[in-house]
Structure formats: C-alpha cells, structure tokens
Amino acid sequence: MLATRRRSAAEKLALRAASLTVLDAWEQSGNLCPVMQAFYSGVDGHAQEQQRKLIYPRMHLFLL
C-alpha cells in the first residue's frame, strides 16, 4: 500500500486550478479526449488516477 501524506494548501490549490483548467478547455472545445491527451500525456498511471478522481466528480456540473 502506498504511504499517504497530507497535501499542503498550495498543492490542493494547484490541483484545483489544474482541474478547472481542464474543465474550461473541455467546455470550450466540446471534446474531452484531446483535452485529456494534451494535459496528461506525460503523467504516470497513479497520477492519472488521482487526476480522474478530481475531474470526473465535477463533470456532471457541465452536463446538466
């Protein structure tokens, strides 16, 4: 099991900003696949899963 650590306020803010940037780009383009590829092409698998946890729960806000 991976050791967990508490994220600093700056890290949390940076993750939220990145998530909002992705959502904004998706909303403007209307196509999620190229947006995800552009933002996360070099990210490892564990980091990608963490990013998905941040992004997908908020998707419903844009689909209403």
PDB file of N, CA and C in Angstrom:
ATOM      1  N   MET A   1       0.845  -1.169   0.000  1.00  0.00           N
ATOM      2  CA  MET A   1       0.000   0.000   0.000  1.00  0.00           C
ATOM      3  C   MET A   1       0.895   1.238   0.000  1.00  0.00           C
ATOM      4  N   LEU A   2       0.491   2.223  -0.751  1.00  0.00           N
ATOM      5  CA  LEU A   2       1.261   3.455  -0.814  1.00  0.00           C
ATOM      6  C   LEU A   2       1.061   4.279   0.450  1.00  0.00           C
ATOM      7  N   ALA A   3       2.149   4.870   0.898  1.00  0.00           N
ATOM      8  CA  ALA A   3       2.043   5.766   2.049  1.00  0.00           C
ATOM      9  C   ALA A   3       1.334   7.043   1.613  1.00  0.00           C
ATOM     10  N   THR A   4       0.465   7.507   2.446  1.00  0.00           N
ATOM     11  CA  THR A   4      -0.241   8.742   2.118  1.00  0.00           C
ATOM     12  C   THR A   4       0.336   9.873   2.945  1.00  0.00           C
ATOM     13  N   ARG A   5       0.247  11.056   2.409  1.00  0.00           N
ATOM     14  CA  ARG A   5       0.687  12.225   3.157  1.00  0.00           C
ATOM     15  C   ARG A   5      -0.337  13.321   2.939  1.00  0.00           C
ATOM     16  N   ARG A   6      -0.381  14.221   3.861  1.00  0.00           N
ATOM     17  CA  ARG A   6      -1.325  15.328   3.738  1.00  0.00           C
ATOM     18  C   ARG A   6      -0.790  16.316   2.718  1.00  0.00           C
ATOM     19  N   ARG A   7      -1.644  16.778   1.864  1.00  0.00           N
ATOM     20  CA  ARG A   7      -1.252  17.774   0.871  1.00  0.00           C
ATOM     21  C   ARG A   7      -1.277  19.159   1.506  1.00  0.00           C
ATOM     22  N   SER A   8      -0.321  19.963   1.106  1.00  0.00           N
ATOM     23  CA  SER A   8      -0.301  21.337   1.594  1.00  0.00           C
ATOM     24  C   SER A   8      -1.417  22.128   0.920  1.00  0.00           C
ATOM     25  N   ALA A   9      -1.725  23.269   1.477  1.00  0.00           N
ATOM     26  CA  ALA A   9      -2.761  24.125   0.890  1.00  0.00           C
ATOM     27  C   ALA A   9      -2.377  24.536  -0.525  1.00  0.00           C
ATOM     28  N   ALA A  10      -1.097  24.785  -0.753  1.00  0.00           N
ATOM     29  CA  ALA A  10      -0.639  25.174  -2.092  1.00  0.00           C
ATOM     30  C   ALA A  10      -0.827  24.035  -3.089  1.00  0.00           C
ATOM     31  N   GLU A  11      -0.555  22.793  -2.664  1.00  0.00           N
ATOM     32  CA  GLU A  11      -0.751  21.643  -3.547  1.00  0.00           C
ATOM     33  C   GLU A  11      -2.230  21.458  -3.878  1.00  0.00           C
ATOM     34  N   LYS A  12      -3.079  21.597  -2.883  1.00  0.00           N
ATOM     35  CA  LYS A  12      -4.521  21.462  -3.113  1.00  0.00           C
ATOM     36  C   LYS A  12      -5.015  22.537  -4.074  1.00  0.00           C
ATOM     37  N   LEU A  13      -4.545  23.747  -3.878  1.00  0.00           N
ATOM     38  CA  LEU A  13      -4.939  24.848  -4.751  1.00  0.00           C
ATOM     39  C   LEU A  13      -4.467  24.608  -6.183  1.00  0.00           C
ATOM     40  N   ALA A  14      -3.243  24.102  -6.336  1.00  0.00           N
ATOM     41  CA  ALA A  14      -2.711  23.818  -7.669  1.00  0.00           C
ATOM     42  C   ALA A  14      -3.520  22.721  -8.360  1.00  0.00           C
ATOM     43  N   LEU A  15      -3.901  21.687  -7.627  1.00  0.00           N
ATOM     44  CA  LEU A  15      -4.713  20.612  -8.207  1.00  0.00           C
ATOM     45  C   LEU A  15      -6.088  21.119  -8.622  1.00  0.00           C
ATOM     46  N   ARG A  16      -6.683  21.949  -7.800  1.00  0.00           N
ATOM     47  CA  ARG A  16      -7.996  22.514  -8.151  1.00  0.00           C
ATOM     48  C   ARG A  16      -7.891  23.398  -9.385  1.00  0.00           C
ATOM     49  N   ALA A  17      -6.836  24.199  -9.448  1.00  0.00           N
ATOM     50  CA  ALA A  17      -6.649  25.080 -10.608  1.00  0.00           C
ATOM     51  C   ALA A  17      -6.460  24.259 -11.875  1.00  0.00           C
ATOM     52  N   ALA A  18      -5.674  23.175 -11.788  1.00  0.00           N
ATOM     53  CA  ALA A  18      -5.466  22.316 -12.954  1.00  0.00           C
ATOM     54  C   ALA A  18      -6.780  21.680 -13.390  1.00  0.00           C
ATOM     55  N   SER A  19      -7.577  21.235 -12.437  1.00  0.00           N
ATOM     56  CA  SER A  19      -8.866  20.623 -12.765  1.00  0.00           C
ATOM     57  C   SER A  19      -9.792  21.618 -13.447  1.00  0.00           C
ATOM     58  N   LEU A  20      -9.834  22.830 -12.934  1.00  0.00           N
ATOM     59  CA  LEU A  20     -10.688  23.851 -13.541  1.00  0.00           C
ATOM     60  C   LEU A  20     -10.205  24.219 -14.939  1.00  0.00           C
ATOM     61  N   THR A  21      -8.898  24.214 -15.140  1.00  0.00           N
ATOM     62  CA  THR A  21      -8.347  24.498 -16.460  1.00  0.00           C
ATOM     63  C   THR A  21      -8.774  23.435 -17.457  1.00  0.00           C
ATOM     64  N   VAL A  22      -8.710  22.175 -17.037  1.00  0.00           N
ATOM     65  CA  VAL A  22      -9.129  21.075 -17.908  1.00  0.00           C
ATOM     66  C   VAL A  22     -10.613  21.200 -18.229  1.00  0.00           C
ATOM     67  N   LEU A  23     -11.423  21.460 -17.225  1.00  0.00           N
ATOM     68  CA  LEU A  23     -12.863  21.583 -17.456  1.00  0.00           C
ATOM     69  C   LEU A  23     -13.183  22.751 -18.379  1.00  0.00           C
ATOM     70  N   ASP A  24     -12.483  23.851 -18.218  1.00  0.00           N
ATOM     71  CA  ASP A  24     -12.699  25.010 -19.079  1.00  0.00           C
ATOM     72  C   ASP A  24     -12.324  24.687 -20.523  1.00  0.00           C
ATOM     73  N   ALA A  25     -11.180  24.028 -20.705  1.00  0.00           N
ATOM     74  CA  ALA A  25     -10.755  23.651 -22.060  1.00  0.00           C
ATOM     75  C   ALA A  25     -11.755  22.689 -22.688  1.00  0.00           C
ATOM     76  N   TRP A  26     -12.263  21.756 -21.892  1.00  0.00           N
ATOM     77  CA  TRP A  26     -13.244  20.796 -22.393  1.00  0.00           C
ATOM     78  C   TRP A  26     -14.521  21.517 -22.798  1.00  0.00           C
ATOM     79  N   GLU A  27     -14.981  22.420 -21.960  1.00  0.00           N
ATOM     80  CA  GLU A  27     -16.207  23.156 -22.253  1.00  0.00           C
ATOM     81  C   GLU A  27     -16.062  23.959 -23.548  1.00  0.00           C
ATOM     82  N   GLN A  28     -14.905  24.567 -23.744  1.00  0.00           N
ATOM     83  CA  GLN A  28     -14.694  25.379 -24.939  1.00  0.00           C
ATOM     84  C   GLN A  28     -14.551  24.531 -26.197  1.00  0.00           C
ATOM     85  N   SER A  29     -13.894  23.364 -26.068  1.00  0.00           N
ATOM     86  CA  SER A  29     -13.663  22.536 -27.253  1.00  0.00           C
ATOM     87  C   SER A  29     -14.829  21.601 -27.543  1.00  0.00           C
ATOM     88  N   GLY A  30     -15.522  21.162 -26.507  1.00  0.00           N
ATOM     89  CA  GLY A  30     -16.614  20.219 -26.678  1.00  0.00           C
ATOM     90  C   GLY A  30     -16.162  18.785 -26.865  1.00  0.00           C
ATOM     91  N   ASN A  31     -14.867  18.525 -26.738  1.00  0.00           N
ATOM     92  CA  ASN A  31     -14.341  17.182 -26.943  1.00  0.00           C
ATOM     93  C   ASN A  31     -13.318  16.886 -25.857  1.00  0.00           C
ATOM     94  N   LEU A  32     -13.620  15.946 -24.980  1.00  0.00           N
ATOM     95  CA  LEU A  32     -12.767  15.672 -23.830  1.00  0.00           C
ATOM     96  C   LEU A  32     -11.474  14.943 -24.190  1.00  0.00           C
ATOM     97  N   CYS A  33     -11.493  14.037 -25.149  1.00  0.00           N
ATOM     98  CA  CYS A  33     -10.312  13.214 -25.440  1.00  0.00           C
ATOM     99  C   CYS A  33      -9.063  14.040 -25.760  1.00  0.00           C
ATOM    100  N   PRO A  34      -9.115  14.983 -26.702  1.00  0.00           N
ATOM    101  CA  PRO A  34      -7.906  15.758 -26.976  1.00  0.00           C
ATOM    102  C   PRO A  34      -7.465  16.609 -25.790  1.00  0.00           C
ATOM    103  N   VAL A  35      -8.415  17.072 -25.012  1.00  0.00           N
ATOM    104  CA  VAL A  35      -8.070  17.869 -23.828  1.00  0.00           C
ATOM    105  C   VAL A  35      -7.294  17.009 -22.837  1.00  0.00           C
ATOM    106  N   MET A  36      -7.789  15.807 -22.567  1.00  0.00           N
ATOM    107  CA  MET A  36      -7.099  14.908 -21.640  1.00  0.00           C
ATOM    108  C   MET A  36      -5.715  14.549 -22.159  1.00  0.00           C
ATOM    109  N   GLN A  37      -5.604  14.278 -23.454  1.00  0.00           N
ATOM    110  CA  GLN A  37      -4.302  13.940 -24.025  1.00  0.00           C
ATOM    111  C   GLN A  37      -3.332  15.103 -23.905  1.00  0.00           C
ATOM    112  N   ALA A  38      -3.798  16.304 -24.137  1.00  0.00           N
ATOM    113  CA  ALA A  38      -2.931  17.480 -24.070  1.00  0.00           C
ATOM    114  C   ALA A  38      -2.454  17.747 -22.646  1.00  0.00           C
ATOM    115  N   PHE A  39      -3.343  17.584 -21.683  1.00  0.00           N
ATOM    116  CA  PHE A  39      -2.981  17.910 -20.306  1.00  0.00           C
ATOM    117  C   PHE A  39      -2.234  16.794 -19.598  1.00  0.00           C
ATOM    118  N   TYR A  40      -2.525  15.535 -19.938  1.00  0.00           N
ATOM    119  CA  TYR A  40      -1.991  14.431 -19.145  1.00  0.00           C
ATOM    120  C   TYR A  40      -1.171  13.425 -19.939  1.00  0.00           C
ATOM    121  N   SER A  41      -0.600  13.832 -21.051  1.00  0.00           N
ATOM    122  CA  SER A  41       0.121  12.879 -21.894  1.00  0.00           C
ATOM    123  C   SER A  41       1.356  12.305 -21.212  1.00  0.00           C
ATOM    124  N   GLY A  42       2.012  13.055 -20.351  1.00  0.00           N
ATOM    125  CA  GLY A  42       3.238  12.570 -19.721  1.00  0.00           C
ATOM    126  C   GLY A  42       3.082  12.150 -18.278  1.00  0.00           C
ATOM    127  N   VAL A  43       1.868  11.998 -17.816  1.00  0.00           N
ATOM    128  CA  VAL A  43       1.633  11.694 -16.411  1.00  0.00           C
ATOM    129  C   VAL A  43       1.587  10.188 -16.204  1.00  0.00           C
ATOM    130  N   ASP A  44       2.193   9.703 -15.119  1.00  0.00           N
ATOM    131  CA  ASP A  44       2.194   8.260 -14.874  1.00  0.00           C
ATOM    132  C   ASP A  44       0.807   7.770 -14.447  1.00  0.00           C
ATOM    133  N   GLY A  45       0.647   6.472 -14.410  1.00  0.00           N
ATOM    134  CA  GLY A  45      -0.660   5.865 -14.149  1.00  0.00           C
ATOM    135  C   GLY A  45      -1.281   6.259 -12.823  1.00  0.00           C
ATOM    136  N   HIS A  46      -0.495   6.251 -11.757  1.00  0.00           N
ATOM    137  CA  HIS A  46      -1.043   6.616 -10.444  1.00  0.00           C
ATOM    138  C   HIS A  46      -1.510   8.065 -10.440  1.00  0.00           C
ATOM    139  N   ALA A  47      -0.719   8.939 -11.013  1.00  0.00           N
ATOM    140  CA  ALA A  47      -1.095  10.351 -11.067  1.00  0.00           C
ATOM    141  C   ALA A  47      -2.340  10.541 -11.927  1.00  0.00           C
ATOM    142  N   GLN A  48      -2.440   9.781 -13.021  1.00  0.00           N
ATOM    143  CA  GLN A  48      -3.629   9.880 -13.870  1.00  0.00           C
ATOM    144  C   GLN A  48      -4.880   9.488 -13.099  1.00  0.00           C
ATOM    145  N   GLU A  49      -4.776   8.451 -12.285  1.00  0.00           N
ATOM    146  CA  GLU A  49      -5.934   8.030 -11.492  1.00  0.00           C
ATOM    147  C   GLU A  49      -6.335   9.128 -10.510  1.00  0.00           C
ATOM    148  N   GLN A  50      -5.363   9.761  -9.896  1.00  0.00           N
ATOM    149  CA  GLN A  50      -5.660  10.857  -8.978  1.00  0.00           C
ATOM    150  C   GLN A  50      -6.311  12.016  -9.720  1.00  0.00           C
ATOM    151  N   GLN A  51      -5.846  12.296 -10.929  1.00  0.00           N
ATOM    152  CA  GLN A  51      -6.436  13.371 -11.723  1.00  0.00           C
ATOM    153  C   GLN A  51      -7.885  13.032 -12.071  1.00  0.00           C
ATOM    154  N   ARG A  52      -8.143  11.769 -12.434  1.00  0.00           N
ATOM    155  CA  ARG A  52      -9.513  11.357 -12.760  1.00  0.00           C
ATOM    156  C   ARG A  52     -10.444  11.555 -11.568  1.00  0.00           C
ATOM    157  N   LYS A  53      -9.942  11.243 -10.378  1.00  0.00           N
ATOM    158  CA  LYS A  53     -10.758  11.417  -9.181  1.00  0.00           C
ATOM    159  C   LYS A  53     -11.114  12.882  -8.975  1.00  0.00           C
ATOM    160  N   LEU A  54     -10.237  13.772  -9.404  1.00  0.00           N
ATOM    161  CA  LEU A  54     -10.514  15.197  -9.282  1.00  0.00           C
ATOM    162  C   LEU A  54     -11.462  15.685 -10.364  1.00  0.00           C
ATOM    163  N   ILE A  55     -11.322  15.149 -11.565  1.00  0.00           N
ATOM    164  CA  ILE A  55     -12.059  15.671 -12.715  1.00  0.00           C
ATOM    165  C   ILE A  55     -13.457  15.080 -12.835  1.00  0.00           C
ATOM    166  N   TYR A  56     -13.585  13.757 -12.822  1.00  0.00           N
ATOM    167  CA  TYR A  56     -14.864  13.132 -13.122  1.00  0.00           C
ATOM    168  C   TYR A  56     -15.994  13.476 -12.160  1.00  0.00           C
ATOM    169  N   PRO A  57     -15.749  13.635 -10.863  1.00  0.00           N
ATOM    170  CA  PRO A  57     -16.875  14.016  -9.996  1.00  0.00           C
ATOM    171  C   PRO A  57     -17.480  15.369 -10.359  1.00  0.00           C
ATOM    172  N   ARG A  58     -16.729  16.228 -11.029  1.00  0.00           N
ATOM    173  CA  ARG A  58     -17.222  17.555 -11.379  1.00  0.00           C
ATOM    174  C   ARG A  58     -17.857  17.604 -12.770  1.00  0.00           C
ATOM    175  N   MET A  59     -17.720  16.543 -13.542  1.00  0.00           N
ATOM    176  CA  MET A  59     -18.224  16.545 -14.915  1.00  0.00           C
ATOM    177  C   MET A  59     -19.722  16.786 -14.975  1.00  0.00           C
ATOM    178  N   HIS A  60     -20.448  16.224 -14.029  1.00  0.00           N
ATOM    179  CA  HIS A  60     -21.909  16.353 -14.074  1.00  0.00           C
ATOM    180  C   HIS A  60     -22.349  17.814 -14.046  1.00  0.00           C
ATOM    181  N   LEU A  61     -21.533  18.696 -13.497  1.00  0.00           N
ATOM    182  CA  LEU A  61     -21.894  20.114 -13.448  1.00  0.00           C
ATOM    183  C   LEU A  61     -22.004  20.711 -14.842  1.00  0.00           C
ATOM    184  N   PHE A  62     -21.208  20.187 -15.778  1.00  0.00           N
ATOM    185  CA  PHE A  62     -21.208  20.716 -17.131  1.00  0.00           C
ATOM    186  C   PHE A  62     -22.174  19.974 -18.048  1.00  0.00           C
ATOM    187  N   LEU A  63     -22.693  18.856 -17.585  1.00  0.00           N
ATOM    188  CA  LEU A  63     -23.576  18.051 -18.426  1.00  0.00           C
ATOM    189  C   LEU A  63     -25.052  18.337 -18.172  1.00  0.00           C
ATOM    190  N   LEU A  64     -25.344  19.163 -17.194  1.00  0.00           N
ATOM    191  CA  LEU A  64     -26.747  19.459 -16.873  1.00  0.00           C
ATOM    192  C   LEU A  64     -27.384  20.344 -17.911  1.00  0.00           C
TER     193      LEU A  64
END
